[in-house]
C-alpha atoms as a PDB file:
ATOM      1  CA  MET A   1      90.673 -11.425  26.059  1.00  0.00           C
ATOM      2  CA  LEU A   2      90.249  -8.961  23.359  1.00  0.00           C
ATOM      3  CA  THR A   3      89.091  -5.337  23.673  1.00  0.00           C
ATOM      4  CA  GLY A   4      86.127  -3.937  21.494  1.00  0.00           C
ATOM      5  CA  LYS A   5      88.599  -1.804  19.581  1.00  0.00           C
ATOM      6  CA  GLN A   6      90.937  -5.070  18.838  1.00  0.00           C
ATOM      7  CA  LYS A   7      87.569  -6.940  17.731  1.00  0.00           C
ATOM      8  CA  ARG A   8      86.748  -4.084  15.558  1.00  0.00           C
ATOM      9  CA  PHE A   9      90.011  -4.003  13.780  1.00  0.00           C
ATOM     10  CA  LEU A  10      90.304  -7.939  13.404  1.00  0.00           C
ATOM     11  CA  ARG A  11      86.616  -7.765  11.804  1.00  0.00           C
ATOM     12  CA  SER A  12      87.653  -5.356   9.445  1.00  0.00           C
ATOM     13  CA  GLN A  13      90.723  -7.662   8.572  1.00  0.00           C
ATOM     14  CA  ALA A  14      88.589 -10.744   8.267  1.00  0.00           C
ATOM     15  CA  HIS A  15      85.920  -8.900   5.993  1.00  0.00           C
ATOM     16  CA  HIS A  16      87.510 -10.101   2.842  1.00  0.00           C
ATOM     17  CA  LEU A  17      88.659 -13.607   3.888  1.00  0.00           C
ATOM     18  CA  GLN A  18      86.892 -16.699   2.417  1.00  0.00           C
ATOM     19  CA  PRO A  19      85.991 -19.370   4.992  1.00  0.00           C
ATOM     20  CA  ILE A  20      88.543 -22.212   4.984  1.00  0.00           C
ATOM     21  CA  PHE A  21      86.740 -24.667   6.823  1.00  0.00           C
ATOM     22  CA  GLN A  22      83.066 -25.818   6.804  1.00  0.00           C
ATOM     23  CA  ILE A  23      81.262 -27.712   9.542  1.00  0.00           C
ATOM     24  CA  GLY A  24      78.630 -30.186   8.125  1.00  0.00           C
ATOM     25  CA  LYS A  25      76.769 -33.108   9.308  1.00  0.00           C
ATOM     26  CA  GLY A  26      79.381 -34.444  11.428  1.00  0.00           C
ATOM     27  CA  GLY A  27      79.566 -31.450  13.378  1.00  0.00           C
ATOM     28  CA  VAL A  28      82.612 -30.187  15.247  1.00  0.00           C
ATOM     29  CA  ASN A  29      85.084 -33.045  16.049  1.00  0.00           C
ATOM     30  CA  VAL A  30      88.568 -33.409  17.389  1.00  0.00           C
ATOM     31  CA  ALA A  31      90.126 -33.851  13.972  1.00  0.00           C
ATOM     32  CA  MET A  32      88.441 -30.469  12.867  1.00  0.00           C
ATOM     33  CA  ASN A  33      89.684 -28.663  16.012  1.00  0.00           C
ATOM     34  CA  THR A  34      93.327 -29.945  15.498  1.00  0.00           C
ATOM     35  CA  GLN A  35      93.338 -28.664  11.657  1.00  0.00           C
ATOM     36  CA  ILE A  36      91.826 -25.221  12.838  1.00  0.00           C
ATOM     37  CA  ALA A  37      94.459 -24.874  15.460  1.00  0.00           C
ATOM     38  CA  GLU A  38      97.034 -25.441  12.934  1.00  0.00           C
ATOM     39  CA  ALA A  39      95.361 -23.026  10.362  1.00  0.00           C
ATOM     40  CA  LEU A  40      95.157 -20.484  13.202  1.00  0.00           C
ATOM     41  CA  GLU A  41      98.920 -20.831  13.932  1.00  0.00           C
ATOM     42  CA  LYS A  42      99.688 -19.980  10.510  1.00  0.00           C
ATOM     43  CA  ARG A  43      97.036 -17.378   9.581  1.00  0.00           C
ATOM     44  CA  GLU A  44      95.839 -16.013  12.949  1.00  0.00           C
ATOM     45  CA  LEU A  45      92.509 -14.828  11.806  1.00  0.00           C
ATOM     46  CA  ILE A  46      90.225 -17.411   9.903  1.00  0.00           C
ATOM     47  CA  LYS A  47      86.810 -17.780   8.918  1.00  0.00           C
ATOM     48  CA  VAL A  48      84.641 -21.061   9.562  1.00  0.00           C
ATOM     49  CA  SER A  49      81.122 -21.488   7.877  1.00  0.00           C
ATOM     50  CA  LEU A  50      78.598 -23.884   8.886  1.00  0.00           C
ATOM     51  CA  LEU A  51      76.655 -25.708   5.994  1.00  0.00           C
ATOM     52  CA  GLN A  52      72.874 -26.065   5.958  1.00  0.00           C
ATOM     53  CA  ASN A  53      72.955 -29.735   6.747  1.00  0.00           C
ATOM     54  CA  THR A  54      74.727 -29.260  10.067  1.00  0.00           C
ATOM     55  CA  ASP A  55      72.858 -29.437  13.430  1.00  0.00           C
ATOM     56  CA  GLU A  56      75.141 -27.259  15.065  1.00  0.00           C
ATOM     57  CA  VAL A  57      74.019 -23.810  16.212  1.00  0.00           C
ATOM     58  CA  ALA A  58      76.846 -20.972  15.298  1.00  0.00           C
ATOM     59  CA  ASP A  59      77.331 -19.476  18.949  1.00  0.00           C
ATOM     60  CA  GLU A  60      77.655 -22.838  20.533  1.00  0.00           C
ATOM     61  CA  ALA A  61      79.977 -24.058  17.656  1.00  0.00           C
ATOM     62  CA  ALA A  62      82.246 -20.962  17.892  1.00  0.00           C
ATOM     63  CA  LEU A  63      82.536 -21.360  21.652  1.00  0.00           C
ATOM     64  CA  GLU A  64      83.448 -24.834  21.304  1.00  0.00           C
ATOM     65  CA  ILE A  65      86.057 -24.306  18.788  1.00  0.00           C
ATOM     66  CA  ALA A  66      87.479 -21.544  20.513  1.00  0.00           C
ATOM     67  CA  GLN A  67      87.803 -23.366  23.666  1.00  0.00           C
ATOM     68  CA  ALA A  68      89.592 -26.260  21.744  1.00  0.00           C
ATOM     69  CA  THR A  69      91.987 -24.272  20.096  1.00  0.00           C
ATOM     70  CA  ASN A  70      92.554 -21.461  22.811  1.00  0.00           C
ATOM     71  CA  SER A  71      91.155 -18.871  20.093  1.00  0.00           C
ATOM     72  CA  GLU A  72      88.971 -15.850  20.673  1.00  0.00           C
ATOM     73  CA  VAL A  73      85.627 -15.371  19.171  1.00  0.00           C
ATOM     74  CA  VAL A  74      85.946 -12.256  17.112  1.00  0.00           C
ATOM     75  CA  GLN A  75      82.338 -12.428  15.292  1.00  0.00           C
ATOM     76  CA  VAL A  76      79.579 -14.798  14.556  1.00  0.00           C
ATOM     77  CA  ILE A  77      77.237 -13.599  11.562  1.00  0.00           C
ATOM     78  CA  GLY A  78      74.751 -16.001  10.278  1.00  0.00           C
ATOM     79  CA  ARG A  79      76.380 -19.035   9.804  1.00  0.00           C
ATOM     80  CA  VAL A  80      79.936 -17.838   9.704  1.00  0.00           C
ATOM     81  CA  ILE A  81      82.281 -17.769  12.494  1.00  0.00           C
ATOM     82  CA  VAL A  82      85.483 -15.596  12.709  1.00  0.00           C
ATOM     83  CA  LEU A  83      88.199 -16.836  14.981  1.00  0.00           C
ATOM     84  CA  TYR A  84      91.458 -15.158  15.900  1.00  0.00           C
ATOM     85  CA  LYS A  85      94.576 -16.753  17.819  1.00  0.00           C
ATOM     86  CA  ALA A  86      98.035 -14.669  18.260  1.00  0.00           C
ATOM     87  CA  SER A  87     100.533 -16.684  16.377  1.00  0.00           C
ATOM     88  CA  SER A  88     103.935 -17.420  17.881  1.00  0.00           C
ATOM     89  CA  LYS A  89     105.454 -15.299  15.033  1.00  0.00           C
ATOM     90  CA  GLU A  90     102.598 -12.579  15.356  1.00  0.00           C
ATOM     91  CA  LYS A  91     101.715 -11.409  11.587  1.00  0.00           C
ATOM     92  CA  ILE A  92      98.616  -9.115  12.229  1.00  0.00           C
ATOM     93  CA  PRO A  93      99.583  -6.292  13.942  1.00  0.00           C
ATOM     94  CA  THR A  94      97.085  -4.808  16.527  1.00  0.00           C
ATOM     95  CA  PRO A  95      95.935  -1.110  16.292  1.00  0.00           C
ATOM     96  CA  ASP A  96      98.103  -0.723  19.695  1.00  0.00           C
ATOM     97  CA  ALA A  97     101.102  -2.200  17.949  1.00  0.00           C
ATOM     98  CA  THR A  98     100.679   0.017  14.882  1.00  0.00           C
ATOM     99  CA  ILE A  99     100.139   3.220  16.853  1.00  0.00           C
ATOM    100  CA  GLU A 100     103.568   2.053  18.925  1.00  0.00           C
ATOM    101  CA  ILE A 101     105.553   1.697  15.645  1.00  0.00           C
ATOM    102  CA  ILE A 102     104.144   5.033  14.271  1.00  0.00           C
ATOM    103  CA  VAL A 103     105.230   6.839  17.520  1.00  0.00           C
ATOM    104  CA  ARG A 104     108.832   5.591  17.249  1.00  0.00           C
ATOM    105  CA  LEU A 105     109.280   6.478  13.835  1.00  0.00           C
ATOM    106  CA  ASP A 106     107.995  10.100  14.977  1.00  0.00           C
ATOM    107  CA  GLU A 107     110.557  10.329  17.680  1.00  0.00           C
ATOM    108  CA  GLY A 108     113.489   9.242  15.137  1.00  0.00           C
END
């Protein structure tokens, strides 16, 4: 579970990202969830947009995708969903990790 501070940090990191998946008339399906899970492993932070012709509700779609991919919903604004899942390689430093690195540098 992400803290408020972590979500705020991830929202700032996601601001400049473009949606890499679009949910259309077909809605959320198993194949899409698999592709989203793979993208999350590579990128950690992604945006998904809902097209005008979909019957999906953004909040419900976000929860459905998050459960299927074991990810966290960072934000839902309008028809855009921001998802985060820590990669096994850990690319995006969290605020706590960044502070820890700075402290170690100051000590050395």
